[in-house]
Amino acid sequence: MSKFSIGLVTTTPNALVMLAACYTLPEDLLDRHINGDWGDLEAENRQRNDEALHDGSRILSAYVMDEGWKVCVITEAADDDGVRSHTTILLPEEY
């Protein structure tokens, strides 16, 4: 069971190309993200994500692919009704 909802999912064209080159499906990263595997983040950012599960703020995960490329998954903060409307998969330089 996922730890939070992700809303509408979009992926940038550059991230799709990179993921294909790494033989990685976007769904694999989303699965890690929604289950609390924040990837390659420093302890402070992991703590922020853990707090975001309770306070509704933005959640960011970052994953380093075998080829050394990095991809981010960002779920926007919840609205006043507690709904997270959007998650984006993108490259760090697109953030």
PDB file of N, CA and C in Angstrom:
ATOM      1  N   MET A   1       0.841  -1.180   0.000  1.00  0.00           N
ATOM      2  CA  MET A   1       0.000   0.000   0.000  1.00  0.00           C
ATOM      3  C   MET A   1       0.888   1.245   0.000  1.00  0.00           C
ATOM      4  N   SER A   2       0.527   2.217  -0.807  1.00  0.00           N
ATOM      5  CA  SER A   2       1.335   3.428  -0.919  1.00  0.00           C
ATOM      6  C   SER A   2       1.156   4.311   0.315  1.00  0.00           C
ATOM      7  N   LYS A   3       2.167   5.141   0.565  1.00  0.00           N
ATOM      8  CA  LYS A   3       2.169   6.032   1.718  1.00  0.00           C
ATOM      9  C   LYS A   3       1.411   7.323   1.454  1.00  0.00           C
ATOM     10  N   PHE A   4       1.184   7.661   0.174  1.00  0.00           N
ATOM     11  CA  PHE A   4       0.488   8.896  -0.186  1.00  0.00           C
ATOM     12  C   PHE A   4      -0.007   8.787  -1.614  1.00  0.00           C
ATOM     13  N   SER A   5      -0.949   9.671  -1.972  1.00  0.00           N
ATOM     14  CA  SER A   5      -1.446   9.688  -3.347  1.00  0.00           C
ATOM     15  C   SER A   5      -0.552  10.587  -4.192  1.00  0.00           C
ATOM     16  N   ILE A   6      -0.521  10.325  -5.488  1.00  0.00           N
ATOM     17  CA  ILE A   6       0.383  11.082  -6.361  1.00  0.00           C
ATOM     18  C   ILE A   6      -0.349  11.944  -7.379  1.00  0.00           C
ATOM     19  N   GLY A   7      -1.642  11.805  -7.495  1.00  0.00           N
ATOM     20  CA  GLY A   7      -2.388  12.603  -8.460  1.00  0.00           C
ATOM     21  C   GLY A   7      -2.010  12.256  -9.895  1.00  0.00           C
ATOM     22  N   LEU A   8      -2.147  13.230 -10.773  1.00  0.00           N
ATOM     23  CA  LEU A   8      -1.804  13.080 -12.186  1.00  0.00           C
ATOM     24  C   LEU A   8      -0.287  12.960 -12.325  1.00  0.00           C
ATOM     25  N   VAL A   9       0.172  12.024 -13.128  1.00  0.00           N
ATOM     26  CA  VAL A   9       1.608  11.822 -13.330  1.00  0.00           C
ATOM     27  C   VAL A   9       2.012  12.295 -14.717  1.00  0.00           C
ATOM     28  N   THR A  10       3.073  13.101 -14.763  1.00  0.00           N
ATOM     29  CA  THR A  10       3.658  13.513 -16.033  1.00  0.00           C
ATOM     30  C   THR A  10       5.150  13.225 -15.988  1.00  0.00           C
ATOM     31  N   THR A  11       5.713  13.059 -17.162  1.00  0.00           N
ATOM     32  CA  THR A  11       7.149  12.826 -17.300  1.00  0.00           C
ATOM     33  C   THR A  11       7.657  13.722 -18.409  1.00  0.00           C
ATOM     34  N   THR A  12       8.771  14.380 -18.169  1.00  0.00           N
ATOM     35  CA  THR A  12       9.320  15.239 -19.211  1.00  0.00           C
ATOM     36  C   THR A  12       9.893  14.370 -20.334  1.00  0.00           C
ATOM     37  N   PRO A  13       9.926  14.881 -21.559  1.00  0.00           N
ATOM     38  CA  PRO A  13      10.491  14.110 -22.675  1.00  0.00           C
ATOM     39  C   PRO A  13      11.934  13.677 -22.419  1.00  0.00           C
ATOM     40  N   ASN A  14      12.750  14.555 -21.840  1.00  0.00           N
ATOM     41  CA  ASN A  14      14.145  14.202 -21.575  1.00  0.00           C
ATOM     42  C   ASN A  14      14.259  13.070 -20.559  1.00  0.00           C
ATOM     43  N   ALA A  15      13.404  13.089 -19.553  1.00  0.00           N
ATOM     44  CA  ALA A  15      13.418  12.016 -18.566  1.00  0.00           C
ATOM     45  C   ALA A  15      12.999  10.689 -19.197  1.00  0.00           C
ATOM     46  N   LEU A  16      12.025  10.721 -20.087  1.00  0.00           N
ATOM     47  CA  LEU A  16      11.607   9.492 -20.776  1.00  0.00           C
ATOM     48  C   LEU A  16      12.741   8.904 -21.602  1.00  0.00           C
ATOM     49  N   VAL A  17      13.481   9.758 -22.306  1.00  0.00           N
ATOM     50  CA  VAL A  17      14.617   9.288 -23.112  1.00  0.00           C
ATOM     51  C   VAL A  17      15.674   8.657 -22.217  1.00  0.00           C
ATOM     52  N   MET A  18      16.004   9.325 -21.109  1.00  0.00           N
ATOM     53  CA  MET A  18      17.010   8.809 -20.203  1.00  0.00           C
ATOM     54  C   MET A  18      16.572   7.495 -19.573  1.00  0.00           C
ATOM     55  N   LEU A  19      15.333   7.407 -19.151  1.00  0.00           N
ATOM     56  CA  LEU A  19      14.840   6.170 -18.553  1.00  0.00           C
ATOM     57  C   LEU A  19      14.875   5.021 -19.553  1.00  0.00           C
ATOM     58  N   ALA A  20      14.496   5.290 -20.789  1.00  0.00           N
ATOM     59  CA  ALA A  20      14.545   4.252 -21.823  1.00  0.00           C
ATOM     60  C   ALA A  20      15.984   3.778 -22.036  1.00  0.00           C
ATOM     61  N   ALA A  21      16.927   4.705 -22.046  1.00  0.00           N
ATOM     62  CA  ALA A  21      18.337   4.345 -22.222  1.00  0.00           C
ATOM     63  C   ALA A  21      18.847   3.492 -21.057  1.00  0.00           C
ATOM     64  N   CYS A  22      18.220   3.652 -19.890  1.00  0.00           N
ATOM     65  CA  CYS A  22      18.606   2.893 -18.692  1.00  0.00           C
ATOM     66  C   CYS A  22      17.738   1.651 -18.490  1.00  0.00           C
ATOM     67  N   TYR A  23      16.868   1.372 -19.452  1.00  0.00           N
ATOM     68  CA  TYR A  23      15.952   0.230 -19.356  1.00  0.00           C
ATOM     69  C   TYR A  23      15.146   0.260 -18.056  1.00  0.00           C
ATOM     70  N   THR A  24      14.658   1.453 -17.718  1.00  0.00           N
ATOM     71  CA  THR A  24      13.877   1.652 -16.499  1.00  0.00           C
ATOM     72  C   THR A  24      12.517   2.212 -16.869  1.00  0.00           C
ATOM     73  N   LEU A  25      11.476   1.623 -16.320  1.00  0.00           N
ATOM     74  CA  LEU A  25      10.118   2.115 -16.545  1.00  0.00           C
ATOM     75  C   LEU A  25       9.795   3.220 -15.536  1.00  0.00           C
ATOM     76  N   PRO A  26       9.083   4.251 -15.961  1.00  0.00           N
ATOM     77  CA  PRO A  26       8.666   5.287 -15.015  1.00  0.00           C
ATOM     78  C   PRO A  26       7.896   4.702 -13.831  1.00  0.00           C
ATOM     79  N   GLU A  27       7.106   3.672 -14.084  1.00  0.00           N
ATOM     80  CA  GLU A  27       6.320   3.035 -13.036  1.00  0.00           C
ATOM     81  C   GLU A  27       7.200   2.466 -11.923  1.00  0.00           C
ATOM     82  N   ASP A  28       8.388   1.999 -12.269  1.00  0.00           N
ATOM     83  CA  ASP A  28       9.297   1.464 -11.254  1.00  0.00           C
ATOM     84  C   ASP A  28       9.727   2.557 -10.275  1.00  0.00           C
ATOM     85  N   LEU A  29      10.027   3.740 -10.797  1.00  0.00           N
ATOM     86  CA  LEU A  29      10.413   4.854  -9.924  1.00  0.00           C
ATOM     87  C   LEU A  29       9.224   5.346  -9.107  1.00  0.00           C
ATOM     88  N   LEU A  30       8.053   5.406  -9.720  1.00  0.00           N
ATOM     89  CA  LEU A  30       6.856   5.819  -8.984  1.00  0.00           C
ATOM     90  C   LEU A  30       6.560   4.867  -7.836  1.00  0.00           C
ATOM     91  N   ASP A  31       6.743   3.573  -8.070  1.00  0.00           N
ATOM     92  CA  ASP A  31       6.505   2.582  -7.024  1.00  0.00           C
ATOM     93  C   ASP A  31       7.448   2.813  -5.846  1.00  0.00           C
ATOM     94  N   ARG A  32       8.703   3.053  -6.128  1.00  0.00           N
ATOM     95  CA  ARG A  32       9.663   3.342  -5.055  1.00  0.00           C
ATOM     96  C   ARG A  32       9.254   4.611  -4.306  1.00  0.00           C
ATOM     97  N   HIS A  33       8.910   5.644  -5.058  1.00  0.00           N
ATOM     98  CA  HIS A  33       8.554   6.946  -4.502  1.00  0.00           C
ATOM     99  C   HIS A  33       7.355   6.851  -3.554  1.00  0.00           C
ATOM    100  N   ILE A  34       6.266   6.235  -4.009  1.00  0.00           N
ATOM    101  CA  ILE A  34       5.048   6.187  -3.188  1.00  0.00           C
ATOM    102  C   ILE A  34       5.163   5.242  -2.002  1.00  0.00           C
ATOM    103  N   ASN A  35       6.186   4.416  -1.991  1.00  0.00           N
ATOM    104  CA  ASN A  35       6.392   3.503  -0.870  1.00  0.00           C
ATOM    105  C   ASN A  35       7.469   3.987   0.094  1.00  0.00           C
ATOM    106  N   GLY A  36       7.901   5.240  -0.076  1.00  0.00           N
ATOM    107  CA  GLY A  36       8.823   5.833   0.888  1.00  0.00           C
ATOM    108  C   GLY A  36      10.286   5.544   0.654  1.00  0.00           C
ATOM    109  N   ASP A  37      10.639   5.001  -0.508  1.00  0.00           N
ATOM    110  CA  ASP A  37      12.048   4.835  -0.876  1.00  0.00           C
ATOM    111  C   ASP A  37      12.450   6.125  -1.581  1.00  0.00           C
ATOM    112  N   TRP A  38      13.057   7.027  -0.833  1.00  0.00           N
ATOM    113  CA  TRP A  38      13.372   8.353  -1.361  1.00  0.00           C
ATOM    114  C   TRP A  38      14.607   8.366  -2.240  1.00  0.00           C
ATOM    115  N   GLY A  39      15.277   7.240  -2.379  1.00  0.00           N
ATOM    116  CA  GLY A  39      16.428   7.156  -3.277  1.00  0.00           C
ATOM    117  C   GLY A  39      17.679   7.763  -2.681  1.00  0.00           C
ATOM    118  N   ASP A  40      18.378   8.496  -3.511  1.00  0.00           N
ATOM    119  CA  ASP A  40      19.698   9.023  -3.172  1.00  0.00           C
ATOM    120  C   ASP A  40      19.602  10.465  -2.666  1.00  0.00           C
ATOM    121  N   LEU A  41      19.072  10.607  -1.457  1.00  0.00           N
ATOM    122  CA  LEU A  41      18.933  11.923  -0.825  1.00  0.00           C
ATOM    123  C   LEU A  41      19.741  11.962   0.462  1.00  0.00           C
ATOM    124  N   GLU A  42      20.139  13.161   0.848  1.00  0.00           N
ATOM    125  CA  GLU A  42      20.798  13.347   2.130  1.00  0.00           C
ATOM    126  C   GLU A  42      19.769  13.172   3.247  1.00  0.00           C
ATOM    127  N   ALA A  43      20.263  12.930   4.451  1.00  0.00           N
ATOM    128  CA  ALA A  43      19.396  12.655   5.602  1.00  0.00           C
ATOM    129  C   ALA A  43      18.384  13.777   5.844  1.00  0.00           C
ATOM    130  N   GLU A  44      18.793  15.018   5.670  1.00  0.00           N
ATOM    131  CA  GLU A  44      17.890  16.160   5.901  1.00  0.00           C
ATOM    132  C   GLU A  44      16.694  16.127   4.949  1.00  0.00           C
ATOM    133  N   ASN A  45      16.948  15.814   3.689  1.00  0.00           N
ATOM    134  CA  ASN A  45      15.855  15.745   2.713  1.00  0.00           C
ATOM    135  C   ASN A  45      14.967  14.532   2.952  1.00  0.00           C
ATOM    136  N   ARG A  46      15.547  13.428   3.406  1.00  0.00           N
ATOM    137  CA  ARG A  46      14.734  12.258   3.764  1.00  0.00           C
ATOM    138  C   ARG A  46      13.790  12.612   4.912  1.00  0.00           C
ATOM    139  N   GLN A  47      14.312  13.348   5.889  1.00  0.00           N
ATOM    140  CA  GLN A  47      13.507  13.765   7.033  1.00  0.00           C
ATOM    141  C   GLN A  47      12.356  14.675   6.587  1.00  0.00           C
ATOM    142  N   ARG A  48      12.658  15.598   5.670  1.00  0.00           N
ATOM    143  CA  ARG A  48      11.601  16.483   5.142  1.00  0.00           C
ATOM    144  C   ARG A  48      10.495  15.674   4.482  1.00  0.00           C
ATOM    145  N   ASN A  49      10.879  14.660   3.700  1.00  0.00           N
ATOM    146  CA  ASN A  49       9.870  13.817   3.050  1.00  0.00           C
ATOM    147  C   ASN A  49       9.029  13.078   4.082  1.00  0.00           C
ATOM    148  N   ASP A  50       9.680  12.550   5.120  1.00  0.00           N
ATOM    149  CA  ASP A  50       8.934  11.844   6.157  1.00  0.00           C
ATOM    150  C   ASP A  50       7.940  12.787   6.830  1.00  0.00           C
ATOM    151  N   GLU A  51       8.347  14.025   7.069  1.00  0.00           N
ATOM    152  CA  GLU A  51       7.445  15.015   7.656  1.00  0.00           C
ATOM    153  C   GLU A  51       6.325  15.381   6.680  1.00  0.00           C
ATOM    154  N   ALA A  52       6.646  15.423   5.386  1.00  0.00           N
ATOM    155  CA  ALA A  52       5.646  15.774   4.368  1.00  0.00           C
ATOM    156  C   ALA A  52       4.505  14.764   4.310  1.00  0.00           C
ATOM    157  N   LEU A  53       4.767  13.541   4.708  1.00  0.00           N
ATOM    158  CA  LEU A  53       3.700  12.543   4.756  1.00  0.00           C
ATOM    159  C   LEU A  53       2.608  12.962   5.729  1.00  0.00           C
ATOM    160  N   HIS A  54       2.972  13.775   6.732  1.00  0.00           N
ATOM    161  CA  HIS A  54       2.017  14.206   7.753  1.00  0.00           C
ATOM    162  C   HIS A  54       1.528  15.634   7.556  1.00  0.00           C
ATOM    163  N   ASP A  55       2.413  16.503   7.046  1.00  0.00           N
ATOM    164  CA  ASP A  55       2.019  17.913   6.938  1.00  0.00           C
ATOM    165  C   ASP A  55       1.570  18.323   5.534  1.00  0.00           C
ATOM    166  N   GLY A  56       1.679  17.409   4.561  1.00  0.00           N
ATOM    167  CA  GLY A  56       1.176  17.684   3.219  1.00  0.00           C
ATOM    168  C   GLY A  56       2.095  18.472   2.315  1.00  0.00           C
ATOM    169  N   SER A  57       3.323  18.751   2.752  1.00  0.00           N
ATOM    170  CA  SER A  57       4.239  19.514   1.902  1.00  0.00           C
ATOM    171  C   SER A  57       4.776  18.649   0.758  1.00  0.00           C
ATOM    172  N   ARG A  58       5.521  19.277  -0.121  1.00  0.00           N
ATOM    173  CA  ARG A  58       6.061  18.630  -1.324  1.00  0.00           C
ATOM    174  C   ARG A  58       6.976  17.458  -0.955  1.00  0.00           C
ATOM    175  N   ILE A  59       6.972  16.425  -1.809  1.00  0.00           N
ATOM    176  CA  ILE A  59       7.820  15.250  -1.610  1.00  0.00           C
ATOM    177  C   ILE A  59       8.725  15.104  -2.826  1.00  0.00           C
ATOM    178  N   LEU A  60      10.020  14.963  -2.565  1.00  0.00           N
ATOM    179  CA  LEU A  60      11.020  14.837  -3.622  1.00  0.00           C
ATOM    180  C   LEU A  60      11.835  13.575  -3.414  1.00  0.00           C
ATOM    181  N   SER A  61      11.947  12.772  -4.463  1.00  0.00           N
ATOM    182  CA  SER A  61      12.846  11.626  -4.469  1.00  0.00           C
ATOM    183  C   SER A  61      13.851  11.817  -5.599  1.00  0.00           C
ATOM    184  N   ALA A  62      15.024  11.227  -5.444  1.00  0.00           N
ATOM    185  CA  ALA A  62      16.050  11.305  -6.490  1.00  0.00           C
ATOM    186  C   ALA A  62      16.706   9.937  -6.596  1.00  0.00           C
ATOM    187  N   TYR A  63      16.846   9.470  -7.816  1.00  0.00           N
ATOM    188  CA  TYR A  63      17.390   8.139  -8.049  1.00  0.00           C
ATOM    189  C   TYR A  63      18.544   8.218  -9.046  1.00  0.00           C
ATOM    190  N   VAL A  64      19.651   7.574  -8.699  1.00  0.00           N
ATOM    191  CA  VAL A  64      20.794   7.502  -9.607  1.00  0.00           C
ATOM    192  C   VAL A  64      20.692   6.173 -10.354  1.00  0.00           C
ATOM    193  N   MET A  65      20.665   6.258 -11.668  1.00  0.00           N
ATOM    194  CA  MET A  65      20.576   5.065 -12.506  1.00  0.00           C
ATOM    195  C   MET A  65      21.951   4.394 -12.590  1.00  0.00           C
ATOM    196  N   ASP A  66      21.971   3.161 -13.021  1.00  0.00           N
ATOM    197  CA  ASP A  66      23.230   2.419 -13.144  1.00  0.00           C
ATOM    198  C   ASP A  66      24.255   3.152 -13.999  1.00  0.00           C
ATOM    199  N   GLU A  67      23.799   3.882 -14.971  1.00  0.00           N
ATOM    200  CA  GLU A  67      24.678   4.606 -15.876  1.00  0.00           C
ATOM    201  C   GLU A  67      25.202   5.902 -15.256  1.00  0.00           C
ATOM    202  N   GLY A  68      24.784   6.204 -14.023  1.00  0.00           N
ATOM    203  CA  GLY A  68      25.229   7.406 -13.336  1.00  0.00           C
ATOM    204  C   GLY A  68      24.324   8.606 -13.530  1.00  0.00           C
ATOM    205  N   TRP A  69      23.318   8.486 -14.389  1.00  0.00           N
ATOM    206  CA  TRP A  69      22.382   9.578 -14.587  1.00  0.00           C
ATOM    207  C   TRP A  69      21.419   9.637 -13.411  1.00  0.00           C
ATOM    208  N   LYS A  70      20.907  10.822 -13.155  1.00  0.00           N
ATOM    209  CA  LYS A  70      19.997  11.017 -12.033  1.00  0.00           C
ATOM    210  C   LYS A  70      18.629  11.464 -12.545  1.00  0.00           C
ATOM    211  N   VAL A  71      17.593  10.975 -11.888  1.00  0.00           N
ATOM    212  CA  VAL A  71      16.222  11.371 -12.211  1.00  0.00           C
ATOM    213  C   VAL A  71      15.495  11.689 -10.906  1.00  0.00           C
ATOM    214  N   CYS A  72      14.621  12.680 -10.961  1.00  0.00           N
ATOM    215  CA  CYS A  72      13.864  13.108  -9.786  1.00  0.00           C
ATOM    216  C   CYS A  72      12.384  12.806  -9.969  1.00  0.00           C
ATOM    217  N   VAL A  73      11.723  12.569  -8.854  1.00  0.00           N
ATOM    218  CA  VAL A  73      10.272  12.420  -8.829  1.00  0.00           C
ATOM    219  C   VAL A  73       9.767  13.404  -7.777  1.00  0.00           C
ATOM    220  N   ILE A  74       8.872  14.299  -8.187  1.00  0.00           N
ATOM    221  CA  ILE A  74       8.364  15.330  -7.287  1.00  0.00           C
ATOM    222  C   ILE A  74       6.845  15.253  -7.237  1.00  0.00           C
ATOM    223  N   THR A  75       6.321  15.112  -6.035  1.00  0.00           N
ATOM    224  CA  THR A  75       4.879  15.180  -5.813  1.00  0.00           C
ATOM    225  C   THR A  75       4.592  16.508  -5.137  1.00  0.00           C
ATOM    226  N   GLU A  76       3.717  17.269  -5.752  1.00  0.00           N
ATOM    227  CA  GLU A  76       3.399  18.602  -5.249  1.00  0.00           C
ATOM    228  C   GLU A  76       2.705  18.530  -3.893  1.00  0.00           C
ATOM    229  N   ALA A  77       2.758  19.632  -3.174  1.00  0.00           N
ATOM    230  CA  ALA A  77       2.117  19.730  -1.868  1.00  0.00           C
ATOM    231  C   ALA A  77       0.611  19.533  -1.988  1.00  0.00           C
ATOM    232  N   ALA A  78       0.041  19.071  -0.915  1.00  0.00           N
ATOM    233  CA  ALA A  78      -1.410  18.879  -0.871  1.00  0.00           C
ATOM    234  C   ALA A  78      -2.127  20.226  -0.804  1.00  0.00           C
ATOM    235  N   ASP A  79      -3.323  20.269  -1.374  1.00  0.00           N
ATOM    236  CA  ASP A  79      -4.126  21.488  -1.311  1.00  0.00           C
ATOM    237  C   ASP A  79      -4.845  21.568   0.043  1.00  0.00           C
ATOM    238  N   ASP A  80      -5.717  22.533   0.197  1.00  0.00           N
ATOM    239  CA  ASP A  80      -6.423  22.729   1.469  1.00  0.00           C
ATOM    240  C   ASP A  80      -7.288  21.544   1.857  1.00  0.00           C
ATOM    241  N   ASP A  81      -7.649  20.716   0.876  1.00  0.00           N
ATOM    242  CA  ASP A  81      -8.453  19.526   1.142  1.00  0.00           C
ATOM    243  C   ASP A  81      -7.593  18.285   1.346  1.00  0.00           C
ATOM    244  N   GLY A  82      -6.266  18.463   1.344  1.00  0.00           N
ATOM    245  CA  GLY A  82      -5.353  17.343   1.555  1.00  0.00           C
ATOM    246  C   GLY A  82      -5.089  16.511   0.314  1.00  0.00           C
ATOM    247  N   VAL A  83      -5.410  17.050  -0.860  1.00  0.00           N
ATOM    248  CA  VAL A  83      -5.248  16.315  -2.109  1.00  0.00           C
ATOM    249  C   VAL A  83      -3.956  16.724  -2.804  1.00  0.00           C
ATOM    250  N   ARG A  84      -3.158  15.749  -3.134  1.00  0.00           N
ATOM    251  CA  ARG A  84      -1.941  15.984  -3.922  1.00  0.00           C
ATOM    252  C   ARG A  84      -2.334  15.798  -5.385  1.00  0.00           C
ATOM    253  N   SER A  85      -2.211  16.848  -6.178  1.00  0.00           N
ATOM    254  CA  SER A  85      -2.780  16.830  -7.521  1.00  0.00           C
ATOM    255  C   SER A  85      -1.830  16.352  -8.608  1.00  0.00           C
ATOM    256  N   HIS A  86      -0.516  16.387  -8.356  1.00  0.00           N
ATOM    257  CA  HIS A  86       0.396  16.198  -9.483  1.00  0.00           C
ATOM    258  C   HIS A  86       1.747  15.647  -9.034  1.00  0.00           C
ATOM    259  N   THR A  87       2.282  14.729  -9.832  1.00  0.00           N
ATOM    260  CA  THR A  87       3.636  14.203  -9.645  1.00  0.00           C
ATOM    261  C   THR A  87       4.351  14.280 -10.991  1.00  0.00           C
ATOM    262  N   THR A  88       5.607  14.722 -10.965  1.00  0.00           N
ATOM    263  CA  THR A  88       6.394  14.853 -12.183  1.00  0.00           C
ATOM    264  C   THR A  88       7.687  14.068 -12.059  1.00  0.00           C
ATOM    265  N   ILE A  89       8.032  13.365 -13.137  1.00  0.00           N
ATOM    266  CA  ILE A  89       9.329  12.700 -13.262  1.00  0.00           C
ATOM    267  C   ILE A  89      10.142  13.548 -14.205  1.00  0.00           C
ATOM    268  N   LEU A  90      11.319  13.969 -13.748  1.00  0.00           N
ATOM    269  CA  LEU A  90      12.132  14.882 -14.546  1.00  0.00           C
ATOM    270  C   LEU A  90      13.605  14.736 -14.196  1.00  0.00           C
ATOM    271  N   LEU A  91      14.446  15.324 -15.036  1.00  0.00           N
ATOM    272  CA  LEU A  91      15.875  15.343 -14.772  1.00  0.00           C
ATOM    273  C   LEU A  91      16.189  16.514 -13.841  1.00  0.00           C
ATOM    274  N   PRO A  92      17.247  16.414 -13.030  1.00  0.00           N
ATOM    275  CA  PRO A  92      17.565  17.494 -12.087  1.00  0.00           C
ATOM    276  C   PRO A  92      17.708  18.861 -12.752  1.00  0.00           C
ATOM    277  N   GLU A  93      18.279  18.907 -13.931  1.00  0.00           N
ATOM    278  CA  GLU A  93      18.466  20.193 -14.599  1.00  0.00           C
ATOM    279  C   GLU A  93      17.158  20.796 -15.116  1.00  0.00           C
ATOM    280  N   GLU A  94      16.076  20.003 -15.102  1.00  0.00           N
ATOM    281  CA  GLU A  94      14.765  20.501 -15.508  1.00  0.00           C
ATOM    282  C   GLU A  94      13.961  21.034 -14.326  1.00  0.00           C
ATOM    283  N   TYR A  95      14.493  20.884 -13.148  1.00  0.00           N
ATOM    284  CA  TYR A  95      13.797  21.286 -11.916  1.00  0.00           C
ATOM    285  C   TYR A  95      13.883  22.771 -11.708  1.00  0.00           C
TER     286      TYR A  95
END
